[in-house]
N, C-alpha and C. Protein backbone atom coordinates (compact mmCIF):
# COMPACT_ATOMS: atom_id res chain seq x y z
N MET A 1 0.70 -1.51 25.52
CA MET A 1 0.61 -2.52 24.12
C MET A 1 1.72 -1.89 23.67
N THR A 2 2.43 -3.03 22.86
CA THR A 2 3.76 -2.62 22.09
C THR A 2 3.16 -2.85 20.71
N ILE A 3 3.71 -2.27 19.74
CA ILE A 3 3.41 -2.28 18.40
C ILE A 3 4.62 -2.74 17.60
N HIS A 4 5.42 -3.77 16.96
CA HIS A 4 6.50 -4.15 16.34
C HIS A 4 6.22 -3.86 14.75
N LEU A 5 6.46 -2.65 14.51
CA LEU A 5 6.77 -2.72 13.05
C LEU A 5 8.09 -2.76 12.08
N THR A 6 7.59 -3.69 11.35
CA THR A 6 8.96 -3.97 10.44
C THR A 6 8.92 -3.28 8.90
N LYS A 7 9.60 -3.01 8.22
CA LYS A 7 9.99 -2.52 6.94
C LYS A 7 9.72 -3.33 5.97
N SER A 8 8.87 -3.26 5.13
CA SER A 8 8.68 -4.30 3.79
C SER A 8 8.99 -3.56 2.40
N GLN A 9 9.58 -4.07 1.70
CA GLN A 9 10.04 -3.65 0.33
C GLN A 9 9.39 -4.46 -0.85
N ILE A 10 8.43 -5.43 -0.56
CA ILE A 10 7.92 -6.30 -1.47
C ILE A 10 6.69 -6.01 -1.99
N GLY A 11 6.81 -6.03 -3.49
CA GLY A 11 5.91 -5.40 -3.98
C GLY A 11 5.26 -6.30 -5.31
N LEU A 12 4.61 -5.72 -5.93
CA LEU A 12 3.88 -6.56 -7.36
C LEU A 12 5.25 -7.21 -7.96
N ASP A 13 5.37 -8.22 -8.37
CA ASP A 13 6.30 -8.94 -9.10
C ASP A 13 7.59 -8.76 -8.30
N GLY A 14 7.93 -8.24 -6.96
CA GLY A 14 9.18 -7.82 -6.44
C GLY A 14 9.47 -6.58 -6.70
N VAL A 15 8.73 -5.61 -7.30
CA VAL A 15 8.78 -4.18 -7.59
C VAL A 15 7.92 -3.22 -6.74
N PRO A 16 8.61 -2.82 -5.57
CA PRO A 16 7.93 -1.88 -4.60
C PRO A 16 7.26 -0.72 -5.09
N ALA A 17 6.05 -0.49 -4.94
CA ALA A 17 5.42 0.74 -5.53
C ALA A 17 5.51 2.04 -4.15
N ALA A 18 5.82 1.32 -2.78
CA ALA A 18 6.12 2.33 -1.86
C ALA A 18 6.68 1.64 -0.64
N GLU A 19 7.58 2.32 0.22
CA GLU A 19 8.00 1.76 1.39
C GLU A 19 7.07 2.40 2.42
N THR A 20 6.71 1.13 3.68
CA THR A 20 6.43 1.70 4.78
C THR A 20 6.38 0.76 5.90
N VAL A 21 6.34 1.15 7.12
CA VAL A 21 6.51 0.43 8.52
C VAL A 21 5.07 0.20 8.81
N LEU A 22 4.27 0.70 8.28
CA LEU A 22 2.69 0.69 8.80
C LEU A 22 1.88 -0.48 8.49
N SER A 23 2.22 -0.97 7.42
CA SER A 23 1.35 -2.17 7.02
C SER A 23 2.27 -3.22 6.00
N HIS A 24 1.90 -4.37 5.87
CA HIS A 24 2.47 -5.05 5.04
C HIS A 24 1.43 -6.23 4.60
N VAL A 25 1.49 -6.51 3.18
CA VAL A 25 0.87 -7.00 2.37
C VAL A 25 1.44 -8.37 1.96
N ASP A 26 0.99 -9.52 2.09
CA ASP A 26 1.20 -10.70 1.66
C ASP A 26 0.58 -11.65 0.62
N GLY A 27 0.21 -11.38 -0.41
CA GLY A 27 -0.66 -11.57 -1.56
C GLY A 27 -0.57 -13.29 -1.49
N GLU A 28 0.76 -13.74 -1.63
CA GLU A 28 0.77 -15.42 -1.51
C GLU A 28 -0.03 -16.05 -0.37
N ARG A 29 0.00 -15.32 0.70
CA ARG A 29 -0.37 -16.09 2.05
C ARG A 29 -1.80 -15.52 2.27
N GLY A 30 -2.32 -14.15 1.58
CA GLY A 30 -3.51 -13.69 1.79
C GLY A 30 -3.54 -12.81 2.93
N GLU A 31 -2.24 -12.26 3.40
CA GLU A 31 -2.31 -11.51 4.59
C GLU A 31 -2.13 -9.91 4.45
N LEU A 32 -2.80 -9.41 5.06
CA LEU A 32 -2.97 -7.78 5.38
C LEU A 32 -2.52 -7.75 6.87
N ILE A 33 -1.26 -7.05 7.18
CA ILE A 33 -0.97 -6.70 8.49
C ILE A 33 -1.00 -5.03 8.27
N ILE A 34 -1.58 -4.53 9.56
CA ILE A 34 -1.82 -3.07 9.76
C ILE A 34 -1.42 -2.82 11.22
N ALA A 35 -0.24 -1.99 11.69
CA ALA A 35 0.18 -1.47 12.62
C ALA A 35 0.49 -2.79 13.63
N GLY A 36 1.04 -3.93 12.86
CA GLY A 36 1.59 -4.94 13.51
C GLY A 36 0.70 -5.95 13.78
N GLU A 37 -0.48 -5.88 13.18
CA GLU A 37 -1.69 -6.97 13.71
C GLU A 37 -2.34 -7.45 12.14
N HIS A 38 -2.70 -8.77 12.23
CA HIS A 38 -3.41 -9.12 11.11
C HIS A 38 -4.76 -8.10 11.03
N VAL A 39 -5.16 -7.91 9.79
CA VAL A 39 -6.41 -7.00 9.90
C VAL A 39 -7.82 -7.59 10.47
N ALA A 40 -7.87 -8.98 10.17
CA ALA A 40 -8.96 -9.51 10.70
C ALA A 40 -9.24 -9.58 12.50
N ASP A 41 -7.93 -9.44 12.91
CA ASP A 41 -7.98 -9.48 14.29
C ASP A 41 -7.95 -7.94 14.83
N LEU A 42 -7.29 -7.20 14.05
CA LEU A 42 -7.41 -6.00 14.39
C LEU A 42 -9.02 -5.28 14.01
N ALA A 43 -9.58 -5.73 13.15
CA ALA A 43 -11.08 -5.25 12.86
C ALA A 43 -12.16 -5.58 13.81
N GLY A 44 -11.64 -6.82 14.65
CA GLY A 44 -12.33 -7.33 15.31
C GLY A 44 -12.53 -6.78 16.98
N ARG A 45 -11.50 -6.00 16.81
CA ARG A 45 -11.17 -5.09 18.15
C ARG A 45 -11.41 -3.82 18.03
N SER A 46 -11.17 -3.26 17.01
CA SER A 46 -10.94 -1.74 16.71
C SER A 46 -11.86 -1.31 15.46
N GLY A 47 -12.31 0.17 15.88
CA GLY A 47 -13.08 0.91 14.78
C GLY A 47 -12.12 1.62 14.17
N PHE A 48 -12.70 2.57 13.37
CA PHE A 48 -11.76 3.44 12.39
C PHE A 48 -11.01 4.38 13.24
N GLU A 49 -11.60 4.89 14.39
CA GLU A 49 -10.75 5.98 15.32
C GLU A 49 -9.54 5.26 15.91
N GLY A 50 -9.93 3.82 16.20
CA GLY A 50 -8.70 3.15 16.89
C GLY A 50 -7.64 2.90 16.06
N VAL A 51 -8.13 2.41 14.93
CA VAL A 51 -6.96 1.94 13.74
C VAL A 51 -6.45 3.23 13.66
N THR A 52 -7.00 4.17 13.27
CA THR A 52 -6.45 5.87 12.98
C THR A 52 -5.13 6.12 14.13
N ALA A 53 -5.76 5.60 15.09
CA ALA A 53 -4.65 6.25 16.34
C ALA A 53 -3.73 5.10 16.54
N ARG A 54 -3.46 4.14 16.19
CA ARG A 54 -2.55 3.13 16.13
C ARG A 54 -1.53 3.80 15.05
N LEU A 55 -2.19 3.73 13.96
CA LEU A 55 -1.40 4.23 12.86
C LEU A 55 -0.56 5.52 12.81
N TRP A 56 -1.30 6.56 13.39
CA TRP A 56 -0.77 7.97 13.92
C TRP A 56 0.46 7.48 14.63
N ASN A 57 0.12 6.79 15.91
CA ASN A 57 1.19 6.49 16.78
C ASN A 57 2.51 5.77 16.62
N GLY A 58 2.40 5.04 15.22
CA GLY A 58 3.14 4.12 14.72
C GLY A 58 4.24 4.91 13.89
N ALA A 59 3.30 6.03 13.29
CA ALA A 59 3.96 6.81 12.22
C ALA A 59 5.07 7.99 12.95
N THR A 60 4.34 8.69 13.87
CA THR A 60 4.86 9.74 14.45
C THR A 60 5.57 9.59 16.03
N GLY A 61 5.20 8.45 16.54
CA GLY A 61 6.05 8.05 17.91
C GLY A 61 5.16 8.79 18.77
N ARG A 62 4.25 9.77 18.23
CA ARG A 62 3.56 10.48 19.37
C ARG A 62 2.10 9.97 19.62
N SER A 63 1.71 9.93 21.07
CA SER A 63 0.58 9.11 21.67
C SER A 63 -0.48 9.89 21.29
N LEU A 64 -1.73 9.12 20.48
CA LEU A 64 -2.86 9.53 20.33
C LEU A 64 -3.76 8.67 20.50
N SER A 65 -4.61 8.65 21.29
CA SER A 65 -5.73 8.09 21.74
C SER A 65 -7.19 7.80 20.89
N GLU A 66 -7.68 6.86 20.94
CA GLU A 66 -9.07 6.52 20.08
C GLU A 66 -10.00 7.71 20.35
N ALA A 67 -9.97 8.33 21.53
CA ALA A 67 -11.00 9.12 22.00
C ALA A 67 -10.50 10.83 21.60
N ASN A 68 -9.39 10.81 21.35
CA ASN A 68 -8.38 12.03 20.85
C ASN A 68 -9.10 12.09 19.29
N VAL A 69 -9.03 11.04 18.65
CA VAL A 69 -9.25 10.98 17.25
C VAL A 69 -10.69 11.07 16.91
N ARG A 70 -11.57 10.40 17.93
CA ARG A 70 -12.94 10.61 17.59
C ARG A 70 -13.28 11.96 17.86
N ALA A 71 -12.64 12.70 18.79
CA ALA A 71 -13.10 14.21 19.19
C ALA A 71 -12.64 15.10 17.91
N SER A 72 -11.56 14.97 17.57
CA SER A 72 -10.98 15.69 16.31
C SER A 72 -11.85 15.70 14.96
N LEU A 73 -12.18 14.28 14.75
CA LEU A 73 -12.92 13.96 13.67
C LEU A 73 -14.19 14.79 13.88
N GLY A 74 -14.84 14.70 15.02
CA GLY A 74 -16.25 15.12 15.25
C GLY A 74 -16.09 16.85 15.24
N ALA A 75 -15.13 17.26 15.65
CA ALA A 75 -15.01 18.87 15.42
C ALA A 75 -14.65 19.26 14.10
N ALA A 76 -13.95 18.50 13.26
CA ALA A 76 -13.80 18.73 11.90
C ALA A 76 -15.31 18.44 11.14
N ARG A 77 -15.87 17.49 11.45
CA ARG A 77 -17.20 17.53 10.73
C ARG A 77 -18.23 18.78 11.28
N GLN A 78 -17.83 19.28 12.26
CA GLN A 78 -18.86 20.39 12.77
C GLN A 78 -18.44 21.90 11.72
N ARG A 79 -17.19 21.78 11.79
CA ARG A 79 -16.29 23.05 11.09
C ARG A 79 -16.93 22.95 9.50
N ALA A 80 -16.81 21.50 9.04
CA ALA A 80 -17.22 21.34 7.63
C ALA A 80 -18.86 21.69 7.41
N PHE A 81 -19.75 21.27 8.06
CA PHE A 81 -20.99 21.53 8.10
C PHE A 81 -21.62 23.06 8.13
N ALA A 82 -20.63 23.74 9.02
CA ALA A 82 -20.91 24.80 9.47
C ALA A 82 -20.73 25.83 7.91
N ARG A 83 -19.79 25.19 6.79
CA ARG A 83 -19.57 26.16 5.69
C ARG A 83 -20.31 25.54 4.81
N LEU A 84 -20.95 24.62 4.85
CA LEU A 84 -21.81 23.81 3.77
C LEU A 84 -22.85 24.62 3.02
N ALA A 85 -23.25 25.62 3.66
CA ALA A 85 -24.40 26.46 3.00
C ALA A 85 -23.49 27.68 2.15
N ASP A 86 -22.57 28.06 2.46
CA ASP A 86 -21.58 28.85 1.71
C ASP A 86 -20.98 28.17 0.33
N LEU A 87 -20.84 26.95 0.54
CA LEU A 87 -19.96 26.06 -0.42
C LEU A 87 -21.12 25.60 -1.28
N LEU A 88 -22.35 25.21 -1.05
CA LEU A 88 -23.29 24.93 -2.06
C LEU A 88 -23.89 26.12 -2.89
N ALA A 89 -23.76 27.44 -2.17
CA ALA A 89 -24.39 28.67 -2.69
C ALA A 89 -23.13 29.03 -3.85
N ALA A 90 -21.88 28.74 -3.30
CA ALA A 90 -21.01 29.12 -4.41
C ALA A 90 -20.76 28.08 -5.81
N ALA A 91 -21.49 26.97 -5.56
CA ALA A 91 -21.29 25.86 -6.65
C ALA A 91 -22.48 26.05 -7.36
N ARG A 92 -23.68 26.56 -7.19
CA ARG A 92 -24.72 26.70 -7.91
C ARG A 92 -24.32 27.34 -9.00
N GLY A 93 -25.24 26.78 -10.25
CA GLY A 93 -24.67 27.05 -11.58
C GLY A 93 -23.50 26.72 -12.36
N LEU A 94 -22.71 25.83 -11.77
CA LEU A 94 -21.42 25.34 -12.31
C LEU A 94 -21.76 24.09 -12.99
């Protein structure tokens, strides 16, 4: 799969709020393009982890698979859950 990313500087009233090669919004045509694909097409084939992997690959040039993203997010959730009791205790009375 090859992703062709193009840089867009078009913003509200022609004033860009930010520059990116990862997405493009064309409000007049009602188009949102993420990682080189129309968002409706992308959403029909990919979940959160898949889109995250595509954006990471486009932004960094480093290969990251959907499975890697899923595993990393799962590990991060476990670390956060392990700290939850301490965080709730620290927040009591605030």
